[in-house]
Each structure stands twice: as structure tokens, then as C-alpha cells.
Protein backbone atom coordinates (compact mmCIF):
# COMPACT_ATOMS: atom_id res chain seq x y z
CA UNK A 1 -44.27 68.82 51.56
CA UNK A 2 -45.25 72.38 50.66
CA UNK A 3 -43.17 73.84 47.84
CA UNK A 4 -40.52 76.29 49.05
CA UNK A 5 -39.04 79.31 47.37
CA UNK A 6 -35.39 79.10 46.41
CA UNK A 7 -34.45 81.30 49.36
CA UNK A 8 -36.47 79.18 51.79
CA UNK A 9 -34.85 76.05 50.40
CA UNK A 10 -31.34 77.37 50.98
CA UNK A 11 -32.12 78.71 54.43
CA UNK A 12 -33.70 75.41 55.45
CA UNK A 13 -30.41 73.61 54.79
CA UNK A 14 -28.37 76.27 56.60
CA UNK A 15 -30.75 76.01 59.54
CA UNK A 16 -30.39 72.22 59.68
CA UNK A 17 -33.86 71.28 58.45
CA UNK A 18 -34.94 69.27 55.41
CA UNK A 19 -36.04 71.32 52.37
CA UNK A 20 -38.59 70.29 49.77
CA UNK A 21 -35.59 69.59 47.52
CA UNK A 22 -31.87 70.12 47.87
CA UNK A 23 -30.95 73.66 46.82
CA UNK A 24 -28.85 74.27 43.73
CA UNK A 25 -26.28 77.08 43.80
CA UNK A 26 -23.91 76.69 40.84
CA UNK A 27 -20.59 78.53 40.68
CA UNK A 28 -21.79 80.14 37.50
CA UNK A 29 -20.65 83.74 37.16
CA UNK A 30 -18.82 83.11 33.87
CA UNK A 31 -21.69 81.01 32.52
CA UNK A 32 -24.18 83.69 33.61
CA UNK A 33 -22.23 86.37 31.76
CA UNK A 34 -22.19 84.18 28.64
CA UNK A 35 -25.91 83.44 28.99
CA UNK A 36 -26.62 87.17 29.11
CA UNK A 37 -24.67 87.72 25.89
CA UNK A 38 -21.91 89.68 27.61
CA UNK A 39 -18.16 89.35 28.11
CA UNK A 40 -16.44 89.31 31.49
CA UNK A 41 -14.55 92.44 30.41
CA UNK A 42 -17.89 94.26 30.18
CA UNK A 43 -18.95 93.42 33.73
CA UNK A 44 -15.79 93.22 35.85
CA UNK A 45 -15.95 96.95 36.46
CA UNK A 46 -19.73 97.24 36.33
CA UNK A 47 -21.70 95.75 39.22
CA UNK A 48 -25.10 96.46 37.71
CA UNK A 49 -24.20 94.50 34.57
CA UNK A 50 -22.92 91.57 36.64
CA UNK A 51 -26.18 91.54 38.58
CA UNK A 52 -28.17 91.66 35.36
CA UNK A 53 -26.23 88.67 34.00
CA UNK A 54 -27.10 86.67 37.11
CA UNK A 55 -30.75 87.70 36.94
CA UNK A 56 -31.05 86.63 33.30
CA UNK A 57 -29.32 83.30 33.94
CA UNK A 58 -31.20 82.45 37.15
CA UNK A 59 -34.58 83.24 35.61
CA UNK A 60 -33.74 81.18 32.52
CA UNK A 61 -32.56 78.05 34.36
CA UNK A 62 -34.35 78.25 37.70
CA UNK A 63 -31.58 77.42 40.16
CA UNK A 64 -31.77 78.55 43.76
CA UNK A 65 -28.87 80.87 44.40
CA UNK A 66 -26.35 83.16 42.76
CA UNK A 67 -22.70 83.54 43.75
CA UNK A 68 -21.42 87.06 43.12
CA UNK A 69 -17.90 86.69 41.73
CA UNK A 70 -15.78 88.69 39.30
CA UNK A 71 -12.18 87.43 39.62
CA UNK A 72 -9.45 86.73 42.20
CA UNK A 73 -7.79 90.14 41.96
CA UNK A 74 -10.09 92.67 43.59
CA UNK A 75 -8.91 92.83 47.22
CA UNK A 76 -5.27 92.85 46.13
CA UNK A 77 -6.03 95.59 43.62
CA UNK A 78 -7.81 97.64 46.31
CA UNK A 79 -4.58 97.88 48.31
CA UNK A 80 -2.25 98.57 45.41
CA UNK A 81 -1.74 95.48 43.23
CA UNK A 82 -1.41 95.89 39.47
CA UNK A 83 -4.10 93.98 37.61
CA UNK A 84 -4.17 92.57 34.09
CA UNK A 85 -7.61 92.82 32.48
CA UNK A 86 -8.50 90.28 29.81
CA UNK A 87 -11.28 90.28 27.24
CA UNK A 88 -12.86 86.85 27.78
CA UNK A 89 -11.31 85.70 31.06
CA UNK A 90 -11.31 87.09 34.61
CA UNK A 91 -8.76 89.72 35.58
CA UNK A 92 -5.57 88.54 37.29
CA UNK A 93 -2.96 90.13 39.53
CA UNK A 94 0.35 90.96 37.87
CA UNK A 95 2.62 89.11 40.29
CA UNK A 96 5.72 90.34 38.47
CA UNK A 97 5.12 93.73 40.11
CA UNK A 98 4.40 92.76 43.73
CA UNK A 99 2.99 95.24 46.21
CA UNK A 100 5.13 93.83 49.01
CA UNK A 101 8.71 94.00 47.79
CA UNK A 102 9.66 93.23 51.38
CA UNK A 103 7.30 91.58 53.87
CA UNK A 104 8.06 94.31 56.41
CA UNK A 105 6.24 96.79 54.22
CA UNK A 106 3.02 95.20 55.45
CA UNK A 107 3.09 97.48 58.50
CA UNK A 108 2.52 100.48 56.22
CA UNK A 109 -0.23 98.91 54.10
CA UNK A 110 -3.65 100.60 54.03
CA UNK A 111 -7.01 99.25 55.08
CA UNK A 112 -9.35 99.36 52.09
CA UNK A 113 -12.69 101.16 52.07
CA UNK A 114 -15.21 98.80 50.44
CA UNK A 115 -17.15 101.76 49.09
CA UNK A 116 -14.24 103.49 47.39
CA UNK A 117 -11.16 101.26 47.09
CA UNK A 118 -10.63 99.78 43.65
CA UNK A 119 -13.53 97.70 42.36
CA UNK A 120 -14.84 96.48 45.71
CA UNK A 121 -17.81 98.84 45.36
CA UNK A 122 -18.75 97.18 42.04
CA UNK A 123 -19.01 93.78 43.75
CA UNK A 124 -21.20 95.36 46.42
CA UNK A 125 -23.30 97.09 43.76
CA UNK A 126 -23.84 93.70 42.13
CA UNK A 127 -24.93 92.22 45.45
CA UNK A 128 -27.28 95.08 46.31
CA UNK A 129 -28.84 95.13 42.83
CA UNK A 130 -29.37 91.37 42.88
CA UNK A 131 -30.84 91.41 46.39
CA UNK A 132 -33.17 94.27 45.51
CA UNK A 133 -34.30 92.53 42.32
CA UNK A 134 -34.71 88.86 43.29
CA UNK A 135 -33.37 88.52 46.83
CA UNK A 136 -36.82 88.10 48.34
CA UNK A 137 -37.02 84.62 46.81
CA UNK A 138 -33.50 83.74 45.54
CA UNK A 139 -30.42 83.16 47.72
CA UNK A 140 -27.57 85.63 47.12
CA UNK A 141 -24.03 84.74 48.17
CA UNK A 142 -21.78 87.79 47.91
CA UNK A 143 -18.26 86.44 47.66
CA UNK A 144 -15.65 88.51 49.49
CA UNK A 145 -12.94 87.63 46.98
CA UNK A 146 -9.88 85.91 48.47
CA UNK A 147 -8.87 84.48 51.83
CA UNK A 148 -5.81 85.45 53.88
CA UNK A 149 -3.21 83.04 52.49
CA UNK A 150 -4.21 83.71 48.88
CA UNK A 151 -4.11 87.48 49.36
CA UNK A 152 -0.62 87.19 50.81
CA UNK A 153 0.51 85.27 47.74
CA UNK A 154 -0.98 87.88 45.43
CA UNK A 155 0.56 90.83 47.27
CA UNK A 156 4.02 89.30 47.60
CA UNK A 157 4.13 87.10 44.50
CA UNK A 158 3.42 83.41 44.96
CA UNK A 159 6.94 82.09 44.32
CA UNK A 160 8.54 84.66 46.59
CA UNK A 161 6.01 84.06 49.37
CA UNK A 162 6.71 80.33 49.23
CA UNK A 163 10.38 81.15 49.80
CA UNK A 164 9.45 83.54 52.61
CA UNK A 165 7.62 80.74 54.42
CA UNK A 166 10.92 78.89 54.63
CA UNK A 167 13.25 81.78 55.39
CA UNK A 168 11.43 84.55 57.21
CA UNK A 169 10.57 84.86 60.90
CA UNK A 170 7.27 83.16 61.76
CA UNK A 171 6.04 86.27 63.59
CA UNK A 172 6.49 88.36 60.42
CA UNK A 173 4.64 85.76 58.34
CA UNK A 174 1.82 85.76 60.89
CA UNK A 175 1.62 89.56 60.77
CA UNK A 176 1.31 89.49 56.98
CA UNK A 177 -1.43 86.87 57.14
CA UNK A 178 -3.22 88.80 59.86
CA UNK A 179 -3.25 91.93 57.72
CA UNK A 180 -4.66 89.87 54.85
CA UNK A 181 -7.29 88.44 57.20
CA UNK A 182 -8.34 91.93 58.26
CA UNK A 183 -8.81 93.23 54.72
CA UNK A 184 -10.74 90.09 53.79
CA UNK A 185 -13.01 90.61 56.81
CA UNK A 186 -13.70 94.20 55.77
CA UNK A 187 -15.02 93.01 52.42
CA UNK A 188 -17.00 90.10 53.87
CA UNK A 189 -18.76 92.36 56.36
CA UNK A 190 -19.53 94.82 53.59
CA UNK A 191 -21.28 92.01 51.69
CA UNK A 192 -23.63 91.60 54.64
CA UNK A 193 -24.24 95.35 54.70
CA UNK A 194 -25.11 95.14 50.99
CA UNK A 195 -27.81 92.57 51.78
CA UNK A 196 -26.15 89.25 50.93
CA UNK A 197 -27.65 86.15 52.57
CA UNK A 198 -24.15 84.63 52.90
CA UNK A 199 -20.59 85.53 52.05
CA UNK A 200 -17.54 83.49 51.12
CA UNK A 201 -13.86 83.54 50.28
CA UNK A 202 -11.69 81.51 47.96
CA UNK A 203 -8.35 80.42 49.40
CA UNK A 204 -7.04 78.29 46.57
CA UNK A 205 -3.37 79.09 47.27
CA UNK A 206 -3.82 77.44 50.68
CA UNK A 207 -4.75 74.13 49.08
CA UNK A 208 -2.70 71.00 48.37
CA UNK A 209 -2.15 72.10 44.77
CA UNK A 210 0.42 74.54 46.16
CA UNK A 211 1.27 73.78 49.80
CA UNK A 212 1.34 70.60 51.87
CA UNK A 213 -1.39 69.76 54.39
CA UNK A 214 1.13 70.42 57.18
CA UNK A 215 1.84 73.88 55.78
CA UNK A 216 -1.89 74.53 55.52
CA UNK A 217 -2.23 73.75 59.21
CA UNK A 218 0.82 75.82 60.09
CA UNK A 219 0.01 78.96 58.10
CA UNK A 220 -3.49 79.07 56.64
CA UNK A 221 -5.84 77.33 59.06
CA UNK A 222 -5.70 79.75 61.99
CA UNK A 223 -6.32 82.87 59.85
CA UNK A 224 -9.32 81.11 58.29
CA UNK A 225 -10.66 80.23 61.75
CA UNK A 226 -10.34 83.82 62.95
CA UNK A 227 -11.90 85.14 59.76
CA UNK A 228 -14.86 82.75 59.93
CA UNK A 229 -15.56 83.68 63.55
CA UNK A 230 -15.26 87.43 62.99
CA UNK A 231 -17.55 87.44 59.96
CA UNK A 232 -20.17 85.10 61.44
CA UNK A 233 -20.17 87.09 64.68
CA UNK A 234 -21.13 90.01 62.44
CA UNK A 235 -24.26 88.07 61.55
CA UNK A 236 -23.82 86.40 58.17
CA UNK A 237 -23.07 82.76 57.23
CA UNK A 238 -19.50 82.37 55.97
CA UNK A 239 -18.17 79.95 53.37
CA UNK A 240 -14.66 78.81 52.43
CA UNK A 241 -13.71 77.45 49.02
CA UNK A 242 -10.36 75.80 48.39
CA UNK A 243 -9.78 74.42 44.91
CA UNK A 244 -8.28 71.06 44.14
CA UNK A 245 -7.86 67.81 46.02
CA UNK A 246 -8.62 68.76 49.63
CA UNK A 247 -9.07 65.20 50.92
CA UNK A 248 -6.09 65.56 53.27
CA UNK A 249 -7.26 68.87 54.78
CA UNK A 250 -11.06 68.64 54.68
CA UNK A 251 -11.26 67.57 58.32
CA UNK A 252 -9.15 70.60 59.23
CA UNK A 253 -11.39 72.84 57.12
CA UNK A 254 -14.29 71.52 59.17
CA UNK A 255 -12.67 72.98 62.29
CA UNK A 256 -12.70 76.54 60.90
CA UNK A 257 -16.28 77.00 62.04
CA UNK A 258 -17.35 78.18 58.59
CA UNK A 259 -21.03 77.49 58.04
CA UNK A 260 -20.41 76.34 54.45
CA UNK A 261 -17.50 74.57 52.76
CA UNK A 262 -17.52 74.84 48.97
CA UNK A 263 -15.70 71.69 47.86
CA UNK A 264 -14.05 70.90 44.54
CA UNK A 265 -14.75 67.87 42.38
CA UNK A 266 -11.59 66.00 43.43
CA UNK A 267 -12.84 65.66 47.01
CA UNK A 268 -14.39 62.38 48.15
CA UNK A 269 -17.59 64.01 49.37
CA UNK A 270 -18.93 60.85 51.03
CA UNK A 271 -15.90 60.74 53.32
CA UNK A 272 -16.04 64.49 53.78
CA UNK A 273 -19.64 64.31 54.95
CA UNK A 274 -18.49 62.02 57.75
CA UNK A 275 -15.37 64.02 58.61
CA UNK A 276 -16.79 67.52 59.03
CA UNK A 277 -19.49 68.48 61.55
CA UNK A 278 -23.03 67.79 60.40
CA UNK A 279 -23.80 71.45 61.13
CA UNK A 280 -21.39 72.39 58.32
CA UNK A 281 -23.06 72.56 54.92
CA UNK A 282 -21.15 71.00 52.05
CA UNK A 283 -21.60 72.82 48.74
CA UNK A 284 -20.50 70.94 45.61
CA UNK A 285 -19.10 69.11 43.81
CA UNK A 286 -19.84 68.12 40.18
CA UNK A 287 -16.77 68.33 37.93
CA UNK A 288 -17.19 71.45 35.75
CA UNK A 289 -15.13 69.89 32.96
CA UNK A 290 -16.50 66.35 32.70
CA UNK A 291 -19.40 65.94 32.73
CA UNK A 292 -20.61 69.56 32.63
CA UNK A 293 -18.72 70.66 29.51
CA UNK A 294 -17.55 67.45 27.87
CA UNK A 295 -20.21 64.96 28.96
CA UNK A 296 -23.74 64.22 27.83
CA UNK A 297 -26.96 64.96 29.70
CA UNK A 298 -26.98 61.27 30.64
CA UNK A 299 -23.48 61.55 32.10
CA UNK A 300 -24.59 64.54 34.13
CA UNK A 301 -27.70 62.81 35.46
CA UNK A 302 -25.62 59.85 36.64
CA UNK A 303 -23.02 62.11 38.28
CA UNK A 304 -25.66 64.08 40.15
CA UNK A 305 -27.42 60.90 41.28
CA UNK A 306 -24.15 59.47 42.63
CA UNK A 307 -23.30 62.77 44.31
CA UNK A 308 -26.56 62.92 46.22
CA UNK A 309 -26.30 59.25 47.18
CA UNK A 310 -22.80 59.95 48.54
CA UNK A 311 -24.05 62.54 51.04
CA UNK A 312 -27.59 61.14 51.38
CA UNK A 313 -28.61 64.76 51.01
CA UNK A 314 -27.40 65.54 54.53
CA UNK A 315 -26.81 69.28 54.83
CA UNK A 316 -25.86 69.48 51.18
CA UNK A 317 -26.16 72.25 48.58
CA UNK A 318 -25.78 70.96 45.04
CA UNK A 319 -23.15 72.87 43.08
CA UNK A 320 -20.30 72.56 40.68
CA UNK A 321 -16.93 71.76 42.17
CA UNK A 322 -15.48 75.02 40.89
CA UNK A 323 -16.43 77.79 38.45
CA UNK A 324 -18.57 76.57 35.56
CA UNK A 325 -17.00 77.36 32.21
CA UNK A 326 -18.63 79.85 29.90
CA UNK A 327 -18.43 77.14 27.21
CA UNK A 328 -20.76 74.79 29.12
CA UNK A 329 -23.48 73.63 26.69
CA UNK A 330 -26.88 74.99 27.74
CA UNK A 331 -28.45 71.54 27.37
CA UNK A 332 -25.90 70.18 29.85
CA UNK A 333 -26.62 72.95 32.33
CA UNK A 334 -30.35 72.23 32.04
CA UNK A 335 -29.63 68.54 32.64
CA UNK A 336 -27.65 69.47 35.76
CA UNK A 337 -30.57 71.43 37.21
CA UNK A 338 -33.12 68.77 36.24
CA UNK A 339 -31.09 65.94 37.77
CA UNK A 340 -30.59 67.87 41.01
CA UNK A 341 -34.35 68.43 41.25
CA UNK A 342 -35.08 64.77 40.47
CA UNK A 343 -32.59 63.11 42.82
CA UNK A 344 -32.59 65.85 45.45
CA UNK A 345 -36.33 65.75 46.08
CA UNK A 346 -37.67 65.46 49.60
CA UNK A 347 -39.00 61.98 48.89
CA UNK A 348 -35.68 60.70 47.54
CA UNK A 349 -33.72 62.16 50.45
CA UNK A 350 -36.13 60.57 52.92
CA UNK A 351 -35.69 57.20 51.23
CA UNK A 352 -31.89 57.52 51.22
CA UNK A 353 -32.02 58.04 54.95
CA UNK A 354 -34.59 55.25 55.42
CA UNK A 355 -37.13 57.58 56.98
């Protein structure tokens, strides 16, 4: 098969065709910043520097796509949340000073302007700079920060919002989540306008690490469905990432209509590949701790081989299960890329599918 560019490789999978090798899009913003000799505190308010970190890292290691990410606090900050900035770790929302002291205040909340509210413009600057620099041959996924349920937790305070779910009127809860969906959609659409090839949200607070599968279906699933449809109707592939053990909700996630599901390392990806529609791309899911940080190159090669065998390469983007640590040894990261190229080749995928 003719060798593809990284962008062609990614688009082939999203279009349902077989690439020359499975694309590799690591969740590597922290590792990229480290590779570029920077600190996250230098780039989390500077989109050009974030783009430069990705450019340096991608050119050094040769993977296929970059995920623009800064932290989990930007949308919340854009509508009034207080944020704690840290030197070597991503910024976080100060949940001790919630924006919504009462859920009914949501009716007076503003709609953010992606070009002027908080740091949203810096994310978009990172996307545009990256697209202009390498986007003709490298896939750029401009994350749109957080999903509806997670934004609600950040604006209200997670503990208080959990209590609200049990005590407040369902219509009020739905109105809060709908507001959060709308501000997430604004950012996701702006990523398309900035030139991103795909956009995504993280909705970790909607996962089983915090709420039950039944609560996910009751509160988080419908806002994700509406968000996925609205963004994809705007003309850009949409991805959802929920951290943790999503085995009990992965089939539900497959009903959101999102083109991509970014899945964490605790998910049984072989079962997931059979539970979600084949038109849905699975992106993941090597454990970023072991083997990527704590293992050997041999451990990493085995894990990647087993991962690809689990999905048989069917509509699969190779990635880490969650954000790759900045302390990942470079030799381990190289082993990750090399193993994905070796076991994700067109010939190996054809043999796994007995073609």
C-alpha cells in the first residue's frame, strides 16, 4: 500500500477505510511541554507556546496527531470560576468558591465568547498555529475542554452538585446541564473555525469513578448526545473522553453518536469494540502509568501488540488511555510509537482479519 501522511492515515480511519498503518494520537500535551523544555505554567496562558511544544514533540517522535489540551478549568473560568494556577501541573478550578451558589443562578449566567472570554482564545490560538504550521500533513484535534456534566460540577462544586442531584427538581438540574452543554458547544464549534480536524470534550465527572452507570444514563447521557449532534452537524468530528473504568457505560457512550470515543486503560477494549457501532472510532488505551512510565520498552511492545490484537485494528486509533505524564521516559515513548507502527501495519491488520 502507498505510504500515507499522518493526516491521511487519521482521516482514513474516520472515513471507515483501512490506512497504511493504524494512526497514533497520544494524549501528550504534558509530555510535549516537557519535551520542548517548558513548564505547563509557561504555556497555559500562551497558545503559541503550546503549539510550539506540540510541533517540537511531534517532529521529534513522528506520531500522527496532536491533541490540544491545557487543563480542565478553561470553560468554567470563562464564565466566572476562580482558577488555581500551578507551576508544574495543569490549572484547576477552585471549587471552594463556586460560581453557582444556588442552581437557580444558572438563568443569569453568561454565554462565553471564545475569542475574548478567559483563556479560550489561547486554546484557539494553539489550534490555529498548529494547523497553519503542520496541519497539512498532521491531524489536529482541538479539545473543547469539558463536557456538560463536568462543567456543572466545576461551576457548582462537585460535592454540592452530587447532593443537588438527589434533592433538587429534575427540571432545574436539566436546565443547568443544558446551559453547560451550550457553552461546551460554543467552544467546540470555535475549534472547527480555528481549523481543527476534530474536536473533543472530557467528561470525567460523568464516569463511574464518581457516579453510577444509572446516574450517567439519567443525567449525563442525553446532554452528551445533544452536544455530539450539534457539533457534528456543524461539520467537525466529535470525540468524548471519560476517564476510568467505563465498562458499564461504554455501550451507552456508543449511542451518543460521537464519531470518536477516547477510552481509558481500564476499559476492556475488545468487548468495547463489539459493543459500540463499528462506525465509531475507538481511541486508546495503553495505561499511561504502567507500562508507559514504569515499564520497559519490552513491556510497552507487548501491551501495544495485545491492544491491537484486541480490536483487530478495526476503526482504531492508537493512543494512551489518558494523559501521558511529563515524567514518561523518552525511550519508552519511542518504544510506544515503534510498537504501534510495527503491529498496526496494514499487513498485520489484514492478517488479524484473515484477509
